[in-house]
mmCIF file of all heavy atoms, coordinates in Angstrom:
data_MODEL
# 
_entry.id   MODEL 
# 
loop_
_atom_site.group_PDB 
_atom_site.id 
_atom_site.type_symbol 
_atom_site.label_atom_id 
_atom_site.label_alt_id 
_atom_site.label_comp_id 
_atom_site.label_asym_id 
_atom_site.label_entity_id 
_atom_site.label_seq_id 
_atom_site.pdbx_PDB_ins_code 
_atom_site.Cartn_x 
_atom_site.Cartn_y 
_atom_site.Cartn_z 
_atom_site.occupancy 
_atom_site.B_iso_or_equiv 
_atom_site.pdbx_formal_charge 
_atom_site.auth_seq_id 
_atom_site.auth_comp_id 
_atom_site.auth_asym_id 
_atom_site.auth_atom_id 
_atom_site.pdbx_PDB_model_num 
ATOM 1   N N   . GLU A 1 1  ? -8.305  -3.160  4.828   1.00 0.00 ? 1  GLU A N   1 
ATOM 2   C CA  . GLU A 1 1  ? -9.688  -3.429  5.224   1.00 0.00 ? 1  GLU A CA  1 
ATOM 3   C C   . GLU A 1 1  ? -10.035 -2.724  6.532   1.00 0.00 ? 1  GLU A C   1 
ATOM 4   O O   . GLU A 1 1  ? -11.126 -2.172  6.685   1.00 0.00 ? 1  GLU A O   1 
ATOM 5   C CB  . GLU A 1 1  ? -9.910  -4.943  5.367   1.00 0.00 ? 1  GLU A CB  1 
ATOM 6   C CG  . GLU A 1 1  ? -10.023 -5.677  4.055   1.00 0.00 ? 1  GLU A CG  1 
ATOM 7   C CD  . GLU A 1 1  ? -11.252 -5.256  3.274   1.00 0.00 ? 1  GLU A CD  1 
ATOM 8   O OE1 . GLU A 1 1  ? -12.381 -5.477  3.762   1.00 0.00 ? 1  GLU A OE1 1 
ATOM 9   O OE2 . GLU A 1 1  ? -11.086 -4.685  2.175   1.00 0.00 ? 1  GLU A OE2 1 
ATOM 10  N N   . ALA A 1 2  ? -9.100  -2.741  7.474   1.00 0.00 ? 2  ALA A N   1 
ATOM 11  C CA  . ALA A 1 2  ? -9.346  -2.090  8.762   1.00 0.00 ? 2  ALA A CA  1 
ATOM 12  C C   . ALA A 1 2  ? -9.497  -0.581  8.585   1.00 0.00 ? 2  ALA A C   1 
ATOM 13  O O   . ALA A 1 2  ? -10.349 0.049   9.228   1.00 0.00 ? 2  ALA A O   1 
ATOM 14  C CB  . ALA A 1 2  ? -8.221  -2.402  9.738   1.00 0.00 ? 2  ALA A CB  1 
ATOM 15  N N   . LEU A 1 3  ? -8.692  0.017   7.740   1.00 0.00 ? 3  LEU A N   1 
ATOM 16  C CA  . LEU A 1 3  ? -8.811  1.457   7.474   1.00 0.00 ? 3  LEU A CA  1 
ATOM 17  C C   . LEU A 1 3  ? -10.125 1.769   6.783   1.00 0.00 ? 3  LEU A C   1 
ATOM 18  O O   . LEU A 1 3  ? -10.826 2.732   7.138   1.00 0.00 ? 3  LEU A O   1 
ATOM 19  C CB  . LEU A 1 3  ? -7.628  1.930   6.622   1.00 0.00 ? 3  LEU A CB  1 
ATOM 20  C CG  . LEU A 1 3  ? -6.255  1.917   7.311   1.00 0.00 ? 3  LEU A CG  1 
ATOM 21  C CD1 . LEU A 1 3  ? -5.141  2.126   6.293   1.00 0.00 ? 3  LEU A CD1 1 
ATOM 22  C CD2 . LEU A 1 3  ? -6.181  2.995   8.396   1.00 0.00 ? 3  LEU A CD2 1 
ATOM 23  N N   . LYS A 1 4  ? -10.486 0.964   5.812   1.00 0.00 ? 4  LYS A N   1 
ATOM 24  C CA  . LYS A 1 4  ? -11.738 1.196   5.076   1.00 0.00 ? 4  LYS A CA  1 
ATOM 25  C C   . LYS A 1 4  ? -12.942 1.073   5.994   1.00 0.00 ? 4  LYS A C   1 
ATOM 26  O O   . LYS A 1 4  ? -13.857 1.906   5.947   1.00 0.00 ? 4  LYS A O   1 
ATOM 27  C CB  . LYS A 1 4  ? -11.853 0.184   3.929   1.00 0.00 ? 4  LYS A CB  1 
ATOM 28  C CG  . LYS A 1 4  ? -13.093 0.364   3.070   1.00 0.00 ? 4  LYS A CG  1 
ATOM 29  C CD  . LYS A 1 4  ? -13.138 -0.635  1.925   1.00 0.00 ? 4  LYS A CD  1 
ATOM 30  C CE  . LYS A 1 4  ? -13.516 -2.011  2.425   1.00 0.00 ? 4  LYS A CE  1 
ATOM 31  N NZ  . LYS A 1 4  ? -13.713 -2.987  1.319   1.00 0.00 ? 4  LYS A NZ  1 
ATOM 32  N N   . ASN A 1 5  ? -12.956 0.072   6.855   1.00 0.00 ? 5  ASN A N   1 
ATOM 33  C CA  . ASN A 1 5  ? -14.097 -0.136  7.751   1.00 0.00 ? 5  ASN A CA  1 
ATOM 34  C C   . ASN A 1 5  ? -14.163 0.889   8.875   1.00 0.00 ? 5  ASN A C   1 
ATOM 35  O O   . ASN A 1 5  ? -15.177 0.995   9.567   1.00 0.00 ? 5  ASN A O   1 
ATOM 36  C CB  . ASN A 1 5  ? -14.051 -1.549  8.338   1.00 0.00 ? 5  ASN A CB  1 
ATOM 37  C CG  . ASN A 1 5  ? -14.379 -2.607  7.293   1.00 0.00 ? 5  ASN A CG  1 
ATOM 38  O OD1 . ASN A 1 5  ? -15.195 -2.384  6.416   1.00 0.00 ? 5  ASN A OD1 1 
ATOM 39  N ND2 . ASN A 1 5  ? -13.723 -3.755  7.370   1.00 0.00 ? 5  ASN A ND2 1 
ATOM 40  N N   . ALA A 1 6  ? -13.079 1.653   9.043   1.00 0.00 ? 6  ALA A N   1 
ATOM 41  C CA  . ALA A 1 6  ? -13.103 2.774   9.998   1.00 0.00 ? 6  ALA A CA  1 
ATOM 42  C C   . ALA A 1 6  ? -13.557 4.057   9.299   1.00 0.00 ? 6  ALA A C   1 
ATOM 43  O O   . ALA A 1 6  ? -13.464 5.145   9.887   1.00 0.00 ? 6  ALA A O   1 
ATOM 44  C CB  . ALA A 1 6  ? -11.723 2.969   10.606  1.00 0.00 ? 6  ALA A CB  1 
ATOM 45  N N   . ASP A 1 7  ? -14.030 3.900   8.055   1.00 0.00 ? 7  ASP A N   1 
ATOM 46  C CA  . ASP A 1 7  ? -14.524 5.038   7.257   1.00 0.00 ? 7  ASP A CA  1 
ATOM 47  C C   . ASP A 1 7  ? -13.416 6.020   6.895   1.00 0.00 ? 7  ASP A C   1 
ATOM 48  O O   . ASP A 1 7  ? -13.651 7.223   6.742   1.00 0.00 ? 7  ASP A O   1 
ATOM 49  C CB  . ASP A 1 7  ? -15.661 5.785   7.982   1.00 0.00 ? 7  ASP A CB  1 
ATOM 50  C CG  . ASP A 1 7  ? -16.867 4.897   8.245   1.00 0.00 ? 7  ASP A CG  1 
ATOM 51  O OD1 . ASP A 1 7  ? -17.115 3.989   7.430   1.00 0.00 ? 7  ASP A OD1 1 
ATOM 52  O OD2 . ASP A 1 7  ? -17.538 5.096   9.274   1.00 0.00 ? 7  ASP A OD2 1 
ATOM 53  N N   . ILE A 1 8  ? -12.196 5.499   6.770   1.00 0.00 ? 8  ILE A N   1 
ATOM 54  C CA  . ILE A 1 8  ? -11.087 6.321   6.298   1.00 0.00 ? 8  ILE A CA  1 
ATOM 55  C C   . ILE A 1 8  ? -10.958 6.109   4.805   1.00 0.00 ? 8  ILE A C   1 
ATOM 56  O O   . ILE A 1 8  ? -10.707 4.990   4.342   1.00 0.00 ? 8  ILE A O   1 
ATOM 57  C CB  . ILE A 1 8  ? -9.780  5.960   7.019   1.00 0.00 ? 8  ILE A CB  1 
ATOM 58  C CG1 . ILE A 1 8  ? -9.919  6.263   8.512   1.00 0.00 ? 8  ILE A CG1 1 
ATOM 59  C CG2 . ILE A 1 8  ? -8.590  6.704   6.427   1.00 0.00 ? 8  ILE A CG2 1 
ATOM 60  C CD1 . ILE A 1 8  ? -8.764  5.794   9.354   1.00 0.00 ? 8  ILE A CD1 1 
ATOM 61  N N   . ALA A 1 9  ? -11.168 7.147   4.043   1.00 0.00 ? 9  ALA A N   1 
ATOM 62  C CA  . ALA A 1 9  ? -11.202 7.035   2.595   1.00 0.00 ? 9  ALA A CA  1 
ATOM 63  C C   . ALA A 1 9  ? -9.816  6.738   2.042   1.00 0.00 ? 9  ALA A C   1 
ATOM 64  O O   . ALA A 1 9  ? -8.821  7.346   2.468   1.00 0.00 ? 9  ALA A O   1 
ATOM 65  C CB  . ALA A 1 9  ? -11.752 8.326   1.979   1.00 0.00 ? 9  ALA A CB  1 
ATOM 66  N N   . LEU A 1 10 ? -9.755  5.816   1.101   1.00 0.00 ? 10 LEU A N   1 
ATOM 67  C CA  . LEU A 1 10 ? -8.483  5.471   0.459   1.00 0.00 ? 10 LEU A CA  1 
ATOM 68  C C   . LEU A 1 10 ? -7.839  6.704   -0.161  1.00 0.00 ? 10 LEU A C   1 
ATOM 69  O O   . LEU A 1 10 ? -6.608  6.838   -0.156  1.00 0.00 ? 10 LEU A O   1 
ATOM 70  C CB  . LEU A 1 10 ? -8.714  4.399   -0.606  1.00 0.00 ? 10 LEU A CB  1 
ATOM 71  C CG  . LEU A 1 10 ? -7.477  3.853   -1.325  1.00 0.00 ? 10 LEU A CG  1 
ATOM 72  C CD1 . LEU A 1 10 ? -6.567  3.139   -0.353  1.00 0.00 ? 10 LEU A CD1 1 
ATOM 73  C CD2 . LEU A 1 10 ? -7.889  2.920   -2.465  1.00 0.00 ? 10 LEU A CD2 1 
ATOM 74  N N   . ALA A 1 11 ? -8.668  7.611   -0.641  1.00 0.00 ? 11 ALA A N   1 
ATOM 75  C CA  . ALA A 1 11 ? -8.143  8.822   -1.283  1.00 0.00 ? 11 ALA A CA  1 
ATOM 76  C C   . ALA A 1 11 ? -7.332  9.678   -0.312  1.00 0.00 ? 11 ALA A C   1 
ATOM 77  O O   . ALA A 1 11 ? -6.483  10.466  -0.740  1.00 0.00 ? 11 ALA A O   1 
ATOM 78  C CB  . ALA A 1 11 ? -9.300  9.639   -1.851  1.00 0.00 ? 11 ALA A CB  1 
ATOM 79  N N   . ASP A 1 12 ? -7.581  9.503   0.999   1.00 0.00 ? 12 ASP A N   1 
ATOM 80  C CA  . ASP A 1 12 ? -6.874  10.303  1.994   1.00 0.00 ? 12 ASP A CA  1 
ATOM 81  C C   . ASP A 1 12 ? -5.405  9.934   2.111   1.00 0.00 ? 12 ASP A C   1 
ATOM 82  O O   . ASP A 1 12 ? -4.596  10.728  2.608   1.00 0.00 ? 12 ASP A O   1 
ATOM 83  C CB  . ASP A 1 12 ? -7.543  10.148  3.374   1.00 0.00 ? 12 ASP A CB  1 
ATOM 84  C CG  . ASP A 1 12 ? -8.919  10.812  3.434   1.00 0.00 ? 12 ASP A CG  1 
ATOM 85  O OD1 . ASP A 1 12 ? -9.215  11.619  2.539   1.00 0.00 ? 12 ASP A OD1 1 
ATOM 86  O OD2 . ASP A 1 12 ? -9.675  10.505  4.367   1.00 0.00 ? 12 ASP A OD2 1 
ATOM 87  N N   . PHE A 1 13 ? -5.062  8.720   1.667   1.00 0.00 ? 13 PHE A N   1 
ATOM 88  C CA  . PHE A 1 13 ? -3.658  8.322   1.821   1.00 0.00 ? 13 PHE A CA  1 
ATOM 89  C C   . PHE A 1 13 ? -3.087  7.614   0.591   1.00 0.00 ? 13 PHE A C   1 
ATOM 90  O O   . PHE A 1 13 ? -1.956  7.105   0.634   1.00 0.00 ? 13 PHE A O   1 
ATOM 91  C CB  . PHE A 1 13 ? -3.480  7.447   3.069   1.00 0.00 ? 13 PHE A CB  1 
ATOM 92  C CG  . PHE A 1 13 ? -4.264  6.160   3.082   1.00 0.00 ? 13 PHE A CG  1 
ATOM 93  C CD1 . PHE A 1 13 ? -3.677  4.975   2.672   1.00 0.00 ? 13 PHE A CD1 1 
ATOM 94  C CD2 . PHE A 1 13 ? -5.576  6.135   3.522   1.00 0.00 ? 13 PHE A CD2 1 
ATOM 95  C CE1 . PHE A 1 13 ? -4.393  3.790   2.693   1.00 0.00 ? 13 PHE A CE1 1 
ATOM 96  C CE2 . PHE A 1 13 ? -6.298  4.954   3.557   1.00 0.00 ? 13 PHE A CE2 1 
ATOM 97  C CZ  . PHE A 1 13 ? -5.703  3.768   3.134   1.00 0.00 ? 13 PHE A CZ  1 
ATOM 98  N N   . THR A 1 14 ? -3.822  7.610   -0.527  1.00 0.00 ? 14 THR A N   1 
ATOM 99  C CA  . THR A 1 14 ? -3.312  6.971   -1.742  1.00 0.00 ? 14 THR A CA  1 
ATOM 100 C C   . THR A 1 14 ? -1.967  7.560   -2.158  1.00 0.00 ? 14 THR A C   1 
ATOM 101 O O   . THR A 1 14 ? -1.078  6.840   -2.627  1.00 0.00 ? 14 THR A O   1 
ATOM 102 C CB  . THR A 1 14 ? -4.321  7.123   -2.894  1.00 0.00 ? 14 THR A CB  1 
ATOM 103 O OG1 . THR A 1 14 ? -5.560  6.523   -2.512  1.00 0.00 ? 14 THR A OG1 1 
ATOM 104 C CG2 . THR A 1 14 ? -3.815  6.462   -4.158  1.00 0.00 ? 14 THR A CG2 1 
ATOM 105 N N   . HIS A 1 15 ? -1.823  8.859   -1.975  1.00 0.00 ? 15 HIS A N   1 
ATOM 106 C CA  . HIS A 1 15 ? -0.583  9.518   -2.397  1.00 0.00 ? 15 HIS A CA  1 
ATOM 107 C C   . HIS A 1 15 ? 0.631   9.040   -1.597  1.00 0.00 ? 15 HIS A C   1 
ATOM 108 O O   . HIS A 1 15 ? 1.775   9.253   -2.005  1.00 0.00 ? 15 HIS A O   1 
ATOM 109 C CB  . HIS A 1 15 ? -0.729  11.034  -2.243  1.00 0.00 ? 15 HIS A CB  1 
ATOM 110 C CG  . HIS A 1 15 ? -0.888  11.489  -0.820  1.00 0.00 ? 15 HIS A CG  1 
ATOM 111 N ND1 . HIS A 1 15 ? -2.070  11.351  -0.122  1.00 0.00 ? 15 HIS A ND1 1 
ATOM 112 C CD2 . HIS A 1 15 ? 0.000   12.054  0.047   1.00 0.00 ? 15 HIS A CD2 1 
ATOM 113 C CE1 . HIS A 1 15 ? -1.906  11.815  1.107   1.00 0.00 ? 15 HIS A CE1 1 
ATOM 114 N NE2 . HIS A 1 15 ? -0.665  12.251  1.229   1.00 0.00 ? 15 HIS A NE2 1 
ATOM 115 N N   . MET A 1 16 ? 0.395   8.394   -0.448  1.00 0.00 ? 16 MET A N   1 
ATOM 116 C CA  . MET A 1 16 ? 1.505   7.907   0.375   1.00 0.00 ? 16 MET A CA  1 
ATOM 117 C C   . MET A 1 16 ? 1.969   6.511   -0.048  1.00 0.00 ? 16 MET A C   1 
ATOM 118 O O   . MET A 1 16 ? 3.019   6.045   0.397   1.00 0.00 ? 16 MET A O   1 
ATOM 119 C CB  . MET A 1 16 ? 1.075   7.812   1.850   1.00 0.00 ? 16 MET A CB  1 
ATOM 120 C CG  . MET A 1 16 ? 0.497   9.062   2.455   1.00 0.00 ? 16 MET A CG  1 
ATOM 121 S SD  . MET A 1 16 ? -0.007  8.708   4.165   1.00 0.00 ? 16 MET A SD  1 
ATOM 122 C CE  . MET A 1 16 ? -1.018  10.154  4.506   1.00 0.00 ? 16 MET A CE  1 
ATOM 123 N N   . LEU A 1 17 ? 1.183   5.825   -0.882  1.00 0.00 ? 17 LEU A N   1 
ATOM 124 C CA  . LEU A 1 17 ? 1.412   4.418   -1.173  1.00 0.00 ? 17 LEU A CA  1 
ATOM 125 C C   . LEU A 1 17 ? 2.303   4.211   -2.389  1.00 0.00 ? 17 LEU A C   1 
ATOM 126 O O   . LEU A 1 17 ? 2.112   4.860   -3.420  1.00 0.00 ? 17 LEU A O   1 
ATOM 127 C CB  . LEU A 1 17 ? 0.080   3.695   -1.398  1.00 0.00 ? 17 LEU A CB  1 
ATOM 128 C CG  . LEU A 1 17 ? -0.946  3.748   -0.276  1.00 0.00 ? 17 LEU A CG  1 
ATOM 129 C CD1 . LEU A 1 17 ? -2.241  3.078   -0.716  1.00 0.00 ? 17 LEU A CD1 1 
ATOM 130 C CD2 . LEU A 1 17 ? -0.408  3.093   0.981   1.00 0.00 ? 17 LEU A CD2 1 
ATOM 131 N N   . VAL A 1 18 ? 3.242   3.296   -2.255  1.00 0.00 ? 18 VAL A N   1 
ATOM 132 C CA  . VAL A 1 18 ? 4.054   2.863   -3.396  1.00 0.00 ? 18 VAL A CA  1 
ATOM 133 C C   . VAL A 1 18 ? 3.828   1.361   -3.555  1.00 0.00 ? 18 VAL A C   1 
ATOM 134 O O   . VAL A 1 18 ? 4.200   0.574   -2.681  1.00 0.00 ? 18 VAL A O   1 
ATOM 135 C CB  . VAL A 1 18 ? 5.551   3.145   -3.185  1.00 0.00 ? 18 VAL A CB  1 
ATOM 136 C CG1 . VAL A 1 18 ? 6.351   2.704   -4.406  1.00 0.00 ? 18 VAL A CG1 1 
ATOM 137 C CG2 . VAL A 1 18 ? 5.793   4.620   -2.888  1.00 0.00 ? 18 VAL A CG2 1 
ATOM 138 N N   . PRO A 1 19 ? 3.182   0.935   -4.651  1.00 0.00 ? 19 PRO A N   1 
ATOM 139 C CA  . PRO A 1 19 ? 2.877   -0.494  -4.815  1.00 0.00 ? 19 PRO A CA  1 
ATOM 140 C C   . PRO A 1 19 ? 4.133   -1.331  -5.024  1.00 0.00 ? 19 PRO A C   1 
ATOM 141 O O   . PRO A 1 19 ? 5.088   -0.906  -5.670  1.00 0.00 ? 19 PRO A O   1 
ATOM 142 C CB  . PRO A 1 19 ? 1.979   -0.531  -6.058  1.00 0.00 ? 19 PRO A CB  1 
ATOM 143 C CG  . PRO A 1 19 ? 2.279   0.723   -6.798  1.00 0.00 ? 19 PRO A CG  1 
ATOM 144 C CD  . PRO A 1 19 ? 2.659   1.744   -5.770  1.00 0.00 ? 19 PRO A CD  1 
ATOM 145 N N   . MET A 1 20 ? 4.121   -2.535  -4.454  1.00 0.00 ? 20 MET A N   1 
ATOM 146 C CA  . MET A 1 20 ? 5.205   -3.499  -4.641  1.00 0.00 ? 20 MET A CA  1 
ATOM 147 C C   . MET A 1 20 ? 4.569   -4.818  -5.088  1.00 0.00 ? 20 MET A C   1 
ATOM 148 O O   . MET A 1 20 ? 3.769   -5.404  -4.355  1.00 0.00 ? 20 MET A O   1 
ATOM 149 C CB  . MET A 1 20 ? 5.995   -3.696  -3.340  1.00 0.00 ? 20 MET A CB  1 
ATOM 150 C CG  . MET A 1 20 ? 6.694   -2.443  -2.846  1.00 0.00 ? 20 MET A CG  1 
ATOM 151 S SD  . MET A 1 20 ? 7.721   -2.718  -1.368  1.00 0.00 ? 20 MET A SD  1 
ATOM 152 C CE  . MET A 1 20 ? 6.474   -3.104  -0.123  1.00 0.00 ? 20 MET A CE  1 
ATOM 153 N N   . LYS A 1 21 ? 4.911   -5.270  -6.297  1.00 0.00 ? 21 LYS A N   1 
ATOM 154 C CA  . LYS A 1 21 ? 4.275   -6.456  -6.874  1.00 0.00 ? 21 LYS A CA  1 
ATOM 155 C C   . LYS A 1 21 ? 5.019   -7.748  -6.553  1.00 0.00 ? 21 LYS A C   1 
ATOM 156 O O   . LYS A 1 21 ? 4.530   -8.826  -6.861  1.00 0.00 ? 21 LYS A O   1 
ATOM 157 C CB  . LYS A 1 21 ? 4.139   -6.295  -8.383  1.00 0.00 ? 21 LYS A CB  1 
ATOM 158 C CG  . LYS A 1 21 ? 5.442   -6.079  -9.118  1.00 0.00 ? 21 LYS A CG  1 
ATOM 159 C CD  . LYS A 1 21 ? 5.190   -5.769  -10.580 1.00 0.00 ? 21 LYS A CD  1 
ATOM 160 C CE  . LYS A 1 21 ? 6.480   -5.463  -11.333 1.00 0.00 ? 21 LYS A CE  1 
ATOM 161 N NZ  . LYS A 1 21 ? 6.222   -5.083  -12.740 1.00 0.00 ? 21 LYS A NZ  1 
ATOM 162 N N   . GLY A 1 22 ? 6.205   -7.643  -5.972  1.00 0.00 ? 22 GLY A N   1 
ATOM 163 C CA  . GLY A 1 22 ? 6.941   -8.855  -5.639  1.00 0.00 ? 22 GLY A CA  1 
ATOM 164 C C   . GLY A 1 22 ? 8.312   -8.542  -5.084  1.00 0.00 ? 22 GLY A C   1 
ATOM 165 O O   . GLY A 1 22 ? 8.675   -7.380  -4.863  1.00 0.00 ? 22 GLY A O   1 
ATOM 166 N N   . ARG A 1 23 ? 9.062   -9.597  -4.844  1.00 0.00 ? 23 ARG A N   1 
ATOM 167 C CA  . ARG A 1 23 ? 10.439  -9.472  -4.372  1.00 0.00 ? 23 ARG A CA  1 
ATOM 168 C C   . ARG A 1 23 ? 11.380  -9.444  -5.579  1.00 0.00 ? 23 ARG A C   1 
ATOM 169 O O   . ARG A 1 23 ? 11.173  -10.169 -6.548  1.00 0.00 ? 23 ARG A O   1 
ATOM 170 C CB  . ARG A 1 23 ? 10.820  -10.664 -3.488  1.00 0.00 ? 23 ARG A CB  1 
ATOM 171 C CG  . ARG A 1 23 ? 9.976   -10.832 -2.243  1.00 0.00 ? 23 ARG A CG  1 
ATOM 172 C CD  . ARG A 1 23 ? 10.277  -12.198 -1.615  1.00 0.00 ? 23 ARG A CD  1 
ATOM 173 N NE  . ARG A 1 23 ? 9.543   -12.395 -0.359  1.00 0.00 ? 23 ARG A NE  1 
ATOM 174 C CZ  . ARG A 1 23 ? 9.479   -13.554 0.290   1.00 0.00 ? 23 ARG A CZ  1 
ATOM 175 N NH1 . ARG A 1 23 ? 10.103  -14.608 -0.208  1.00 0.00 ? 23 ARG A NH1 1 
ATOM 176 N NH2 . ARG A 1 23 ? 8.806   -13.665 1.418   1.00 0.00 ? 23 ARG A NH2 1 
ATOM 177 N N   . MET A 1 24 ? 12.402  -8.630  -5.475  1.00 0.00 ? 24 MET A N   1 
ATOM 178 C CA  . MET A 1 24 ? 13.485  -8.658  -6.456  1.00 0.00 ? 24 MET A CA  1 
ATOM 179 C C   . MET A 1 24 ? 14.725  -9.159  -5.718  1.00 0.00 ? 24 MET A C   1 
ATOM 180 O O   . MET A 1 24 ? 15.245  -8.479  -4.824  1.00 0.00 ? 24 MET A O   1 
ATOM 181 C CB  . MET A 1 24 ? 13.733  -7.283  -7.056  1.00 0.00 ? 24 MET A CB  1 
ATOM 182 C CG  . MET A 1 24 ? 14.799  -7.282  -8.154  1.00 0.00 ? 24 MET A CG  1 
ATOM 183 S SD  . MET A 1 24 ? 14.367  -8.308  -9.592  1.00 0.00 ? 24 MET A SD  1 
ATOM 184 C CE  . MET A 1 24 ? 13.018  -7.356  -10.308 1.00 0.00 ? 24 MET A CE  1 
ATOM 185 N N   . ILE A 1 25 ? 15.173  -10.354 -6.069  1.00 0.00 ? 25 ILE A N   1 
ATOM 186 C CA  . ILE A 1 25 ? 16.280  -10.993 -5.375  1.00 0.00 ? 25 ILE A CA  1 
ATOM 187 C C   . ILE A 1 25 ? 17.598  -10.606 -6.036  1.00 0.00 ? 25 ILE A C   1 
ATOM 188 O O   . ILE A 1 25 ? 17.802  -10.842 -7.230  1.00 0.00 ? 25 ILE A O   1 
ATOM 189 C CB  . ILE A 1 25 ? 16.127  -12.530 -5.385  1.00 0.00 ? 25 ILE A CB  1 
ATOM 190 C CG1 . ILE A 1 25 ? 14.734  -12.938 -4.880  1.00 0.00 ? 25 ILE A CG1 1 
ATOM 191 C CG2 . ILE A 1 25 ? 17.225  -13.178 -4.558  1.00 0.00 ? 25 ILE A CG2 1 
ATOM 192 C CD1 . ILE A 1 25 ? 14.405  -12.467 -3.489  1.00 0.00 ? 25 ILE A CD1 1 
ATOM 193 N N   . HIS A 1 26 ? 18.497  -10.001 -5.251  1.00 0.00 ? 26 HIS A N   1 
ATOM 194 C CA  . HIS A 1 26 ? 19.827  -9.621  -5.737  1.00 0.00 ? 26 HIS A CA  1 
ATOM 195 C C   . HIS A 1 26 ? 20.820  -10.699 -5.320  1.00 0.00 ? 26 HIS A C   1 
ATOM 196 O O   . HIS A 1 26 ? 21.093  -10.884 -4.132  1.00 0.00 ? 26 HIS A O   1 
ATOM 197 C CB  . HIS A 1 26 ? 20.254  -8.277  -5.141  1.00 0.00 ? 26 HIS A CB  1 
ATOM 198 C CG  . HIS A 1 26 ? 19.446  -7.120  -5.628  1.00 0.00 ? 26 HIS A CG  1 
ATOM 199 N ND1 . HIS A 1 26 ? 19.963  -6.139  -6.439  1.00 0.00 ? 26 HIS A ND1 1 
ATOM 200 C CD2 . HIS A 1 26 ? 18.144  -6.786  -5.413  1.00 0.00 ? 26 HIS A CD2 1 
ATOM 201 C CE1 . HIS A 1 26 ? 19.028  -5.239  -6.710  1.00 0.00 ? 26 HIS A CE1 1 
ATOM 202 N NE2 . HIS A 1 26 ? 17.905  -5.616  -6.091  1.00 0.00 ? 26 HIS A NE2 1 
ATOM 203 N N   . LYS A 1 27 ? 21.380  -11.382 -6.299  1.00 0.00 ? 27 LYS A N   1 
ATOM 204 C CA  . LYS A 1 27 ? 22.328  -12.450 -6.019  1.00 0.00 ? 27 LYS A CA  1 
ATOM 205 C C   . LYS A 1 27 ? 23.738  -11.880 -5.874  1.00 0.00 ? 27 LYS A C   1 
ATOM 206 O O   . LYS A 1 27 ? 24.004  -10.734 -6.231  1.00 0.00 ? 27 LYS A O   1 
ATOM 207 C CB  . LYS A 1 27 ? 22.261  -13.498 -7.123  1.00 0.00 ? 27 LYS A CB  1 
ATOM 208 C CG  . LYS A 1 27 ? 20.855  -14.102 -7.267  1.00 0.00 ? 27 LYS A CG  1 
ATOM 209 C CD  . LYS A 1 27 ? 20.782  -15.109 -8.399  1.00 0.00 ? 27 LYS A CD  1 
ATOM 210 C CE  . LYS A 1 27 ? 19.352  -15.656 -8.523  1.00 0.00 ? 27 LYS A CE  1 
ATOM 211 N NZ  . LYS A 1 27 ? 19.236  -16.638 -9.634  1.00 0.00 ? 27 LYS A NZ  1 
ATOM 212 N N   . ARG A 1 28 ? 24.642  -12.713 -5.398  1.00 0.00 ? 28 ARG A N   1 
ATOM 213 C CA  . ARG A 1 28 ? 26.019  -12.262 -5.167  1.00 0.00 ? 28 ARG A CA  1 
ATOM 214 C C   . ARG A 1 28 ? 26.709  -11.829 -6.461  1.00 0.00 ? 28 ARG A C   1 
ATOM 215 O O   . ARG A 1 28 ? 27.574  -10.954 -6.436  1.00 0.00 ? 28 ARG A O   1 
ATOM 216 C CB  . ARG A 1 28 ? 26.835  -13.368 -4.502  1.00 0.00 ? 28 ARG A CB  1 
ATOM 217 C CG  . ARG A 1 28 ? 26.479  -13.600 -3.041  1.00 0.00 ? 28 ARG A CG  1 
ATOM 218 C CD  . ARG A 1 28 ? 27.393  -14.647 -2.442  1.00 0.00 ? 28 ARG A CD  1 
ATOM 219 N NE  . ARG A 1 28 ? 27.025  -14.958 -1.065  1.00 0.00 ? 28 ARG A NE  1 
ATOM 220 C CZ  . ARG A 1 28 ? 27.448  -14.297 0.005   1.00 0.00 ? 28 ARG A CZ  1 
ATOM 221 N NH1 . ARG A 1 28 ? 28.264  -13.279 -0.155  1.00 0.00 ? 28 ARG A NH1 1 
ATOM 222 N NH2 . ARG A 1 28 ? 27.062  -14.652 1.220   1.00 0.00 ? 28 ARG A NH2 1 
# 
């Protein structure tokens, strides 16, 4: 939100983003 309200277009950095939908817990 802060980037968007500074008029920085999402398209300028979308290529840098890797989405994470949750935690993957690795047990012993």
